[in-house]
Amino acid sequence: MENLPNKIYLNLGDLSEEEFNDTDFNDLSEITWSEDDVQGRNVEYVLKDALIEKAADWLRTHSEADYFELIKSYNYCGAGNLNKKKMVEDFEKHMRD
């Protein structure tokens, strides 16, 4: 399909914070969407391929030290491979599976 937006927002209307937290999405009807974050309560959706590419670009343009700092900040254990190209390939494969 052509021209898929990388990101859209589901427009849920003027739900208060309490209403939003207490509402089951399956109980809603007539939900609209927009490529822009419009007034009211919105839920952002990102196209998986766009997210993968953005994350892979980050990996390509940052150092291994940046990568490991990011991993540490998420308390992720298991980052032992210092081959940056392999990290990008592994990440892309993992995200597409």
PDB file of N, CA and C in Angstrom:
ATOM      1  N   MET A   1       0.853  -1.172   0.000  1.00  0.00           N
ATOM      2  CA  MET A   1       0.000   0.000   0.000  1.00  0.00           C
ATOM      3  C   MET A   1       0.901   1.237   0.000  1.00  0.00           C
ATOM      4  N   GLU A   2       0.524   2.256  -0.725  1.00  0.00           N
ATOM      5  CA  GLU A   2       1.303   3.476  -0.811  1.00  0.00           C
ATOM      6  C   GLU A   2       0.777   4.530   0.153  1.00  0.00           C
ATOM      7  N   ASN A   3       1.669   5.447   0.516  1.00  0.00           N
ATOM      8  CA  ASN A   3       1.334   6.649   1.295  1.00  0.00           C
ATOM      9  C   ASN A   3       0.774   6.372   2.687  1.00  0.00           C
ATOM     10  N   LEU A   4       1.181   5.274   3.291  1.00  0.00           N
ATOM     11  CA  LEU A   4       0.767   5.024   4.669  1.00  0.00           C
ATOM     12  C   LEU A   4       1.446   6.042   5.575  1.00  0.00           C
ATOM     13  N   PRO A   5       0.697   6.671   6.471  1.00  0.00           N
ATOM     14  CA  PRO A   5       1.343   7.608   7.396  1.00  0.00           C
ATOM     15  C   PRO A   5       2.192   6.836   8.410  1.00  0.00           C
ATOM     16  N   ASN A   6       3.299   7.431   8.819  1.00  0.00           N
ATOM     17  CA  ASN A   6       4.156   6.792   9.812  1.00  0.00           C
ATOM     18  C   ASN A   6       3.542   6.824  11.202  1.00  0.00           C
ATOM     19  N   LYS A   7       2.646   7.794  11.416  1.00  0.00           N
ATOM     20  CA  LYS A   7       2.047   7.937  12.735  1.00  0.00           C
ATOM     21  C   LYS A   7       0.640   8.479  12.565  1.00  0.00           C
ATOM     22  N   ILE A   8      -0.307   7.958  13.348  1.00  0.00           N
ATOM     23  CA  ILE A   8      -1.663   8.491  13.388  1.00  0.00           C
ATOM     24  C   ILE A   8      -2.098   8.602  14.842  1.00  0.00           C
ATOM     25  N   TYR A   9      -3.159   9.342  15.042  1.00  0.00           N
ATOM     26  CA  TYR A   9      -3.759   9.476  16.369  1.00  0.00           C
ATOM     27  C   TYR A   9      -5.205   9.024  16.296  1.00  0.00           C
ATOM     28  N   LEU A  10      -5.598   8.152  17.207  1.00  0.00           N
ATOM     29  CA  LEU A  10      -7.008   7.822  17.372  1.00  0.00           C
ATOM     30  C   LEU A  10      -7.613   8.944  18.201  1.00  0.00           C
ATOM     31  N   ASN A  11      -8.659   9.567  17.676  1.00  0.00           N
ATOM     32  CA  ASN A  11      -9.297  10.685  18.358  1.00  0.00           C
ATOM     33  C   ASN A  11     -10.454  10.162  19.191  1.00  0.00           C
ATOM     34  N   LEU A  12     -10.305  10.230  20.496  1.00  0.00           N
ATOM     35  CA  LEU A  12     -11.296   9.659  21.399  1.00  0.00           C
ATOM     36  C   LEU A  12     -12.260  10.693  21.957  1.00  0.00           C
ATOM     37  N   GLY A  13     -12.130  11.933  21.539  1.00  0.00           N
ATOM     38  CA  GLY A  13     -13.054  12.953  22.002  1.00  0.00           C
ATOM     39  C   GLY A  13     -12.574  13.635  23.265  1.00  0.00           C
ATOM     40  N   ASP A  14     -13.505  14.160  24.007  1.00  0.00           N
ATOM     41  CA  ASP A  14     -13.186  14.963  25.184  1.00  0.00           C
ATOM     42  C   ASP A  14     -13.311  14.166  26.477  1.00  0.00           C
ATOM     43  N   LEU A  15     -12.705  12.992  26.520  1.00  0.00           N
ATOM     44  CA  LEU A  15     -12.726  12.199  27.743  1.00  0.00           C
ATOM     45  C   LEU A  15     -11.835  12.850  28.798  1.00  0.00           C
ATOM     46  N   SER A  16     -12.329  12.898  30.020  1.00  0.00           N
ATOM     47  CA  SER A  16     -11.482  13.368  31.118  1.00  0.00           C
ATOM     48  C   SER A  16     -10.445  12.294  31.427  1.00  0.00           C
ATOM     49  N   GLU A  17      -9.461  12.631  32.224  1.00  0.00           N
ATOM     50  CA  GLU A  17      -8.441  11.648  32.622  1.00  0.00           C
ATOM     51  C   GLU A  17      -9.099  10.446  33.297  1.00  0.00           C
ATOM     52  N   GLU A  18     -10.053  10.707  34.168  1.00  0.00           N
ATOM     53  CA  GLU A  18     -10.751   9.621  34.870  1.00  0.00           C
ATOM     54  C   GLU A  18     -11.559   8.760  33.896  1.00  0.00           C
ATOM     55  N   GLU A  19     -12.294   9.407  32.985  1.00  0.00           N
ATOM     56  CA  GLU A  19     -13.071   8.656  31.989  1.00  0.00           C
ATOM     57  C   GLU A  19     -12.153   7.812  31.105  1.00  0.00           C
ATOM     58  N   PHE A  20     -11.032   8.410  30.698  1.00  0.00           N
ATOM     59  CA  PHE A  20     -10.078   7.690  29.867  1.00  0.00           C
ATOM     60  C   PHE A  20      -9.558   6.443  30.584  1.00  0.00           C
ATOM     61  N   ASN A  21      -9.200   6.586  31.846  1.00  0.00           N
ATOM     62  CA  ASN A  21      -8.659   5.463  32.617  1.00  0.00           C
ATOM     63  C   ASN A  21      -9.703   4.398  32.916  1.00  0.00           C
ATOM     64  N   ASP A  22     -10.972   4.789  32.970  1.00  0.00           N
ATOM     65  CA  ASP A  22     -12.040   3.852  33.328  1.00  0.00           C
ATOM     66  C   ASP A  22     -12.775   3.262  32.125  1.00  0.00           C
ATOM     67  N   THR A  23     -12.377   3.633  30.913  1.00  0.00           N
ATOM     68  CA  THR A  23     -13.092   3.204  29.714  1.00  0.00           C
ATOM     69  C   THR A  23     -12.387   2.037  29.039  1.00  0.00           C
ATOM     70  N   ASP A  24     -13.160   1.070  28.602  1.00  0.00           N
ATOM     71  CA  ASP A  24     -12.644  -0.045  27.802  1.00  0.00           C
ATOM     72  C   ASP A  24     -12.740   0.376  26.344  1.00  0.00           C
ATOM     73  N   PHE A  25     -11.644   0.307  25.603  1.00  0.00           N
ATOM     74  CA  PHE A  25     -11.628   0.725  24.205  1.00  0.00           C
ATOM     75  C   PHE A  25     -12.708   0.006  23.406  1.00  0.00           C
ATOM     76  N   ASN A  26     -12.975  -1.253  23.720  1.00  0.00           N
ATOM     77  CA  ASN A  26     -13.993  -2.026  22.991  1.00  0.00           C
ATOM     78  C   ASN A  26     -15.402  -1.478  23.189  1.00  0.00           C
ATOM     79  N   ASP A  27     -15.595  -0.663  24.212  1.00  0.00           N
ATOM     80  CA  ASP A  27     -16.914  -0.072  24.462  1.00  0.00           C
ATOM     81  C   ASP A  27     -17.120   1.229  23.686  1.00  0.00           C
ATOM     82  N   LEU A  28     -16.076   1.734  23.045  1.00  0.00           N
ATOM     83  CA  LEU A  28     -16.181   2.984  22.287  1.00  0.00           C
ATOM     84  C   LEU A  28     -16.734   2.721  20.897  1.00  0.00           C
ATOM     85  N   SER A  29     -17.342   3.745  20.309  1.00  0.00           N
ATOM     86  CA  SER A  29     -17.822   3.639  18.927  1.00  0.00           C
ATOM     87  C   SER A  29     -17.509   4.947  18.206  1.00  0.00           C
ATOM     88  N   GLU A  30     -17.537   4.883  16.888  1.00  0.00           N
ATOM     89  CA  GLU A  30     -17.324   6.048  16.051  1.00  0.00           C
ATOM     90  C   GLU A  30     -16.000   6.759  16.344  1.00  0.00           C
ATOM     91  N   ILE A  31     -14.947   5.977  16.490  1.00  0.00           N
ATOM     92  CA  ILE A  31     -13.609   6.538  16.705  1.00  0.00           C
ATOM     93  C   ILE A  31     -13.079   7.049  15.370  1.00  0.00           C
ATOM     94  N   THR A  32     -12.531   8.249  15.375  1.00  0.00           N
ATOM     95  CA  THR A  32     -11.916   8.796  14.174  1.00  0.00           C
ATOM     96  C   THR A  32     -10.406   8.822  14.370  1.00  0.00           C
ATOM     97  N   TRP A  33      -9.690   9.093  13.289  1.00  0.00           N
ATOM     98  CA  TRP A  33      -8.239   9.196  13.385  1.00  0.00           C
ATOM     99  C   TRP A  33      -7.764  10.377  12.569  1.00  0.00           C
ATOM    100  N   SER A  34      -6.547  10.820  12.885  1.00  0.00           N
ATOM    101  CA  SER A  34      -5.957  11.952  12.202  1.00  0.00           C
ATOM    102  C   SER A  34      -4.444  11.780  12.192  1.00  0.00           C
ATOM    103  N   GLU A  35      -3.781  12.376  11.207  1.00  0.00           N
ATOM    104  CA  GLU A  35      -2.319  12.381  11.205  1.00  0.00           C
ATOM    105  C   GLU A  35      -1.777  13.425  12.173  1.00  0.00           C
ATOM    106  N   ASP A  36      -2.646  14.287  12.690  1.00  0.00           N
ATOM    107  CA  ASP A  36      -2.243  15.340  13.622  1.00  0.00           C
ATOM    108  C   ASP A  36      -2.817  15.065  15.003  1.00  0.00           C
ATOM    109  N   ASP A  37      -2.101  15.537  16.006  1.00  0.00           N
ATOM    110  CA  ASP A  37      -2.560  15.436  17.384  1.00  0.00           C
ATOM    111  C   ASP A  37      -3.549  16.572  17.613  1.00  0.00           C
ATOM    112  N   VAL A  38      -4.832  16.271  17.463  1.00  0.00           N
ATOM    113  CA  VAL A  38      -5.868  17.309  17.528  1.00  0.00           C
ATOM    114  C   VAL A  38      -6.369  17.472  18.956  1.00  0.00           C
ATOM    115  N   GLN A  39      -7.207  18.475  19.148  1.00  0.00           N
ATOM    116  CA  GLN A  39      -7.751  18.756  20.466  1.00  0.00           C
ATOM    117  C   GLN A  39      -8.559  17.568  20.993  1.00  0.00           C
ATOM    118  N   GLY A  40      -8.491  17.362  22.268  1.00  0.00           N
ATOM    119  CA  GLY A  40      -9.209  16.255  22.893  1.00  0.00           C
ATOM    120  C   GLY A  40      -8.256  15.140  23.280  1.00  0.00           C
ATOM    121  N   ARG A  41      -8.821  14.002  23.600  1.00  0.00           N
ATOM    122  CA  ARG A  41      -8.038  12.843  24.032  1.00  0.00           C
ATOM    123  C   ARG A  41      -7.646  12.037  22.814  1.00  0.00           C
ATOM    124  N   ASN A  42      -6.355  11.760  22.661  1.00  0.00           N
ATOM    125  CA  ASN A  42      -5.838  11.031  21.506  1.00  0.00           C
ATOM    126  C   ASN A  42      -4.918   9.894  21.958  1.00  0.00           C
ATOM    127  N   VAL A  43      -4.865   8.860  21.150  1.00  0.00           N
ATOM    128  CA  VAL A  43      -3.937   7.759  21.373  1.00  0.00           C
ATOM    129  C   VAL A  43      -3.075   7.659  20.127  1.00  0.00           C
ATOM    130  N   GLU A  44      -1.763   7.756  20.319  1.00  0.00           N
ATOM    131  CA  GLU A  44      -0.832   7.727  19.196  1.00  0.00           C
ATOM    132  C   GLU A  44      -0.519   6.295  18.778  1.00  0.00           C
ATOM    133  N   TYR A  45      -0.540   6.046  17.477  1.00  0.00           N
ATOM    134  CA  TYR A  45      -0.118   4.773  16.895  1.00  0.00           C
ATOM    135  C   TYR A  45       0.994   5.063  15.910  1.00  0.00           C
ATOM    136  N   VAL A  46       2.042   4.240  15.961  1.00  0.00           N
ATOM    137  CA  VAL A  46       3.185   4.411  15.070  1.00  0.00           C
ATOM    138  C   VAL A  46       3.298   3.167  14.200  1.00  0.00           C
ATOM    139  N   LEU A  47       3.485   3.380  12.897  1.00  0.00           N
ATOM    140  CA  LEU A  47       3.664   2.281  11.958  1.00  0.00           C
ATOM    141  C   LEU A  47       4.911   1.493  12.354  1.00  0.00           C
ATOM    142  N   LYS A  48       4.776   0.199  12.518  1.00  0.00           N
ATOM    143  CA  LYS A  48       5.874  -0.640  13.005  1.00  0.00           C
ATOM    144  C   LYS A  48       7.138  -0.471  12.171  1.00  0.00           C
ATOM    145  N   ASP A  49       7.019  -0.478  10.855  1.00  0.00           N
ATOM    146  CA  ASP A  49       8.199  -0.336  10.010  1.00  0.00           C
ATOM    147  C   ASP A  49       8.885   1.012  10.221  1.00  0.00           C
ATOM    148  N   ALA A  50       8.103   2.069  10.430  1.00  0.00           N
ATOM    149  CA  ALA A  50       8.682   3.390  10.674  1.00  0.00           C
ATOM    150  C   ALA A  50       9.420   3.410  12.005  1.00  0.00           C
ATOM    151  N   LEU A  51       8.831   2.780  13.012  1.00  0.00           N
ATOM    152  CA  LEU A  51       9.474   2.712  14.318  1.00  0.00           C
ATOM    153  C   LEU A  51      10.765   1.906  14.252  1.00  0.00           C
ATOM    154  N   ILE A  52      10.738   0.793  13.553  1.00  0.00           N
ATOM    155  CA  ILE A  52      11.930  -0.041  13.390  1.00  0.00           C
ATOM    156  C   ILE A  52      13.026   0.758  12.701  1.00  0.00           C
ATOM    157  N   GLU A  53      12.673   1.447  11.620  1.00  0.00           N
ATOM    158  CA  GLU A  53      13.673   2.213  10.876  1.00  0.00           C
ATOM    159  C   GLU A  53      14.247   3.343  11.717  1.00  0.00           C
ATOM    160  N   LYS A  54      13.397   4.012  12.486  1.00  0.00           N
ATOM    161  CA  LYS A  54      13.874   5.101  13.343  1.00  0.00           C
ATOM    162  C   LYS A  54      14.848   4.564  14.393  1.00  0.00           C
ATOM    163  N   ALA A  55      14.506   3.452  15.008  1.00  0.00           N
ATOM    164  CA  ALA A  55      15.385   2.863  16.021  1.00  0.00           C
ATOM    165  C   ALA A  55      16.677   2.359  15.388  1.00  0.00           C
ATOM    166  N   ALA A  56      16.578   1.744  14.219  1.00  0.00           N
ATOM    167  CA  ALA A  56      17.771   1.253  13.532  1.00  0.00           C
ATOM    168  C   ALA A  56      18.667   2.417  13.124  1.00  0.00           C
ATOM    169  N   ASP A  57      18.077   3.522  12.670  1.00  0.00           N
ATOM    170  CA  ASP A  57      18.870   4.712  12.340  1.00  0.00           C
ATOM    171  C   ASP A  57      19.604   5.227  13.567  1.00  0.00           C
ATOM    172  N   TRP A  58      18.915   5.213  14.706  1.00  0.00           N
ATOM    173  CA  TRP A  58      19.563   5.653  15.939  1.00  0.00           C
ATOM    174  C   TRP A  58      20.776   4.770  16.221  1.00  0.00           C
ATOM    175  N   LEU A  59      20.592   3.462  16.076  1.00  0.00           N
ATOM    176  CA  LEU A  59      21.712   2.552  16.324  1.00  0.00           C
ATOM    177  C   LEU A  59      22.866   2.795  15.356  1.00  0.00           C
ATOM    178  N   ARG A  60      22.538   3.096  14.109  1.00  0.00           N
ATOM    179  CA  ARG A  60      23.585   3.328  13.105  1.00  0.00           C
ATOM    180  C   ARG A  60      24.368   4.602  13.378  1.00  0.00           C
ATOM    181  N   THR A  61      23.736   5.591  13.982  1.00  0.00           N
ATOM    182  CA  THR A  61      24.358   6.903  14.131  1.00  0.00           C
ATOM    183  C   THR A  61      24.898   7.180  15.529  1.00  0.00           C
ATOM    184  N   HIS A  62      24.783   6.240  16.432  1.00  0.00           N
ATOM    185  CA  HIS A  62      25.300   6.423  17.788  1.00  0.00           C
ATOM    186  C   HIS A  62      26.387   5.397  18.079  1.00  0.00           C
ATOM    187  N   SER A  63      27.198   5.719  19.038  1.00  0.00           N
ATOM    188  CA  SER A  63      28.303   4.840  19.391  1.00  0.00           C
ATOM    189  C   SER A  63      27.822   3.661  20.225  1.00  0.00           C
ATOM    190  N   GLU A  64      28.696   2.679  20.338  1.00  0.00           N
ATOM    191  CA  GLU A  64      28.384   1.534  21.203  1.00  0.00           C
ATOM    192  C   GLU A  64      28.178   1.997  22.642  1.00  0.00           C
ATOM    193  N   ALA A  65      28.950   3.019  23.057  1.00  0.00           N
ATOM    194  CA  ALA A  65      28.799   3.539  24.424  1.00  0.00           C
ATOM    195  C   ALA A  65      27.388   4.101  24.621  1.00  0.00           C
ATOM    196  N   ASP A  66      26.878   4.841  23.609  1.00  0.00           N
ATOM    197  CA  ASP A  66      25.510   5.359  23.689  1.00  0.00           C
ATOM    198  C   ASP A  66      24.512   4.205  23.790  1.00  0.00           C
ATOM    199  N   TYR A  67      24.747   3.184  22.961  1.00  0.00           N
ATOM    200  CA  TYR A  67      23.866   2.015  22.944  1.00  0.00           C
ATOM    201  C   TYR A  67      23.838   1.351  24.314  1.00  0.00           C
ATOM    202  N   PHE A  68      25.016   1.118  24.894  1.00  0.00           N
ATOM    203  CA  PHE A  68      25.056   0.441  26.187  1.00  0.00           C
ATOM    204  C   PHE A  68      24.511   1.319  27.305  1.00  0.00           C
ATOM    205  N   GLU A  69      24.666   2.628  27.173  1.00  0.00           N
ATOM    206  CA  GLU A  69      24.067   3.533  28.155  1.00  0.00           C
ATOM    207  C   GLU A  69      22.545   3.441  28.084  1.00  0.00           C
ATOM    208  N   LEU A  70      22.024   3.372  26.862  1.00  0.00           N
ATOM    209  CA  LEU A  70      20.579   3.200  26.682  1.00  0.00           C
ATOM    210  C   LEU A  70      20.113   1.881  27.280  1.00  0.00           C
ATOM    211  N   ILE A  71      20.838   0.815  26.993  1.00  0.00           N
ATOM    212  CA  ILE A  71      20.489  -0.501  27.532  1.00  0.00           C
ATOM    213  C   ILE A  71      20.509  -0.465  29.059  1.00  0.00           C
ATOM    214  N   LYS A  72      21.553   0.125  29.628  1.00  0.00           N
ATOM    215  CA  LYS A  72      21.644   0.217  31.099  1.00  0.00           C
ATOM    216  C   LYS A  72      20.476   1.009  31.658  1.00  0.00           C
ATOM    217  N   SER A  73      20.066   2.074  30.945  1.00  0.00           N
ATOM    218  CA  SER A  73      18.985   2.906  31.461  1.00  0.00           C
ATOM    219  C   SER A  73      17.666   2.141  31.510  1.00  0.00           C
ATOM    220  N   TYR A  74      17.529   1.108  30.697  1.00  0.00           N
ATOM    221  CA  TYR A  74      16.336   0.264  30.719  1.00  0.00           C
ATOM    222  C   TYR A  74      16.545  -1.009  31.523  1.00  0.00           C
ATOM    223  N   ASN A  75      17.681  -1.063  32.225  1.00  0.00           N
ATOM    224  CA  ASN A  75      18.006  -2.226  33.064  1.00  0.00           C
ATOM    225  C   ASN A  75      17.975  -3.521  32.276  1.00  0.00           C
ATOM    226  N   TYR A  76      18.438  -3.470  31.045  1.00  0.00           N
ATOM    227  CA  TYR A  76      18.467  -4.644  30.190  1.00  0.00           C
ATOM    228  C   TYR A  76      19.799  -5.345  30.352  1.00  0.00           C
ATOM    229  N   CYS A  77      19.761  -6.608  30.630  1.00  0.00           N
ATOM    230  CA  CYS A  77      20.982  -7.388  30.745  1.00  0.00           C
ATOM    231  C   CYS A  77      21.078  -8.314  29.539  1.00  0.00           C
ATOM    232  N   GLY A  78      22.231  -8.415  28.970  1.00  0.00           N
ATOM    233  CA  GLY A  78      22.403  -9.307  27.840  1.00  0.00           C
ATOM    234  C   GLY A  78      23.007  -8.612  26.644  1.00  0.00           C
ATOM    235  N   ALA A  79      23.385  -7.362  26.796  1.00  0.00           N
ATOM    236  CA  ALA A  79      24.016  -6.640  25.691  1.00  0.00           C
ATOM    237  C   ALA A  79      25.518  -6.890  25.750  1.00  0.00           C
ATOM    238  N   GLY A  80      25.962  -7.923  25.060  1.00  0.00           N
ATOM    239  CA  GLY A  80      27.368  -8.234  25.100  1.00  0.00           C
ATOM    240  C   GLY A  80      28.053  -8.134  23.761  1.00  0.00           C
ATOM    241  N   ASN A  81      27.314  -7.840  22.709  1.00  0.00           N
ATOM    242  CA  ASN A  81      27.878  -7.830  21.367  1.00  0.00           C
ATOM    243  C   ASN A  81      28.282  -6.412  20.996  1.00  0.00           C
ATOM    244  N   LEU A  82      29.567  -6.181  20.738  1.00  0.00           N
ATOM    245  CA  LEU A  82      30.034  -4.855  20.390  1.00  0.00           C
ATOM    246  C   LEU A  82      30.076  -4.612  18.888  1.00  0.00           C
ATOM    247  N   ASN A  83      29.628  -5.570  18.089  1.00  0.00           N
ATOM    248  CA  ASN A  83      29.600  -5.409  16.641  1.00  0.00           C
ATOM    249  C   ASN A  83      28.357  -4.592  16.289  1.00  0.00           C
ATOM    250  N   LYS A  84      28.557  -3.307  15.974  1.00  0.00           N
ATOM    251  CA  LYS A  84      27.443  -2.393  15.764  1.00  0.00           C
ATOM    252  C   LYS A  84      26.547  -2.833  14.608  1.00  0.00           C
ATOM    253  N   LYS A  85      27.126  -3.248  13.498  1.00  0.00           N
ATOM    254  CA  LYS A  85      26.328  -3.696  12.354  1.00  0.00           C
ATOM    255  C   LYS A  85      25.449  -4.874  12.756  1.00  0.00           C
ATOM    256  N   LYS A  86      26.009  -5.801  13.517  1.00  0.00           N
ATOM    257  CA  LYS A  86      25.255  -6.965  13.979  1.00  0.00           C
ATOM    258  C   LYS A  86      24.142  -6.532  14.931  1.00  0.00           C
ATOM    259  N   MET A  87      24.417  -5.522  15.787  1.00  0.00           N
ATOM    260  CA  MET A  87      23.378  -5.021  16.691  1.00  0.00           C
ATOM    261  C   MET A  87      22.187  -4.505  15.892  1.00  0.00           C
ATOM    262  N   VAL A  88      22.466  -3.727  14.817  1.00  0.00           N
ATOM    263  CA  VAL A  88      21.395  -3.183  13.992  1.00  0.00           C
ATOM    264  C   VAL A  88      20.607  -4.314  13.341  1.00  0.00           C
ATOM    265  N   GLU A  89      21.322  -5.289  12.765  1.00  0.00           N
ATOM    266  CA  GLU A  89      20.649  -6.415  12.113  1.00  0.00           C
ATOM    267  C   GLU A  89      19.812  -7.210  13.108  1.00  0.00           C
ATOM    268  N   ASP A  90      20.378  -7.485  14.283  1.00  0.00           N
ATOM    269  CA  ASP A  90      19.644  -8.230  15.308  1.00  0.00           C
ATOM    270  C   ASP A  90      18.398  -7.468  15.750  1.00  0.00           C
ATOM    271  N   PHE A  91      18.567  -6.158  15.923  1.00  0.00           N
ATOM    272  CA  PHE A  91      17.436  -5.342  16.356  1.00  0.00           C
ATOM    273  C   PHE A  91      16.319  -5.373  15.310  1.00  0.00           C
ATOM    274  N   GLU A  92      16.699  -5.140  14.039  1.00  0.00           N
ATOM    275  CA  GLU A  92      15.696  -5.141  12.971  1.00  0.00           C
ATOM    276  C   GLU A  92      15.001  -6.489  12.868  1.00  0.00           C
ATOM    277  N   LYS A  93      15.758  -7.582  12.964  1.00  0.00           N
ATOM    278  CA  LYS A  93      15.170  -8.918  12.889  1.00  0.00           C
ATOM    279  C   LYS A  93      14.203  -9.138  14.054  1.00  0.00           C
ATOM    280  N   HIS A  94      14.656  -8.782  15.251  1.00  0.00           N
ATOM    281  CA  HIS A  94      13.828  -8.965  16.440  1.00  0.00           C
ATOM    282  C   HIS A  94      12.524  -8.163  16.329  1.00  0.00           C
ATOM    283  N   MET A  95      12.604  -6.920  15.865  1.00  0.00           N
ATOM    284  CA  MET A  95      11.421  -6.079  15.788  1.00  0.00           C
ATOM    285  C   MET A  95      10.449  -6.540  14.714  1.00  0.00           C
ATOM    286  N   ARG A  96      10.962  -7.184  13.645  1.00  0.00           N
ATOM    287  CA  ARG A  96      10.082  -7.627  12.573  1.00  0.00           C
ATOM    288  C   ARG A  96       9.426  -8.977  12.886  1.00  0.00           C
ATOM    289  N   ASP A  97       9.988  -9.729  13.798  1.00  0.00           N
ATOM    290  CA  ASP A  97       9.426 -11.049  14.160  1.00  0.00           C
ATOM    291  C   ASP A  97       8.153 -10.905  14.959  1.00  0.00           C
TER     292      ASP A  97
END
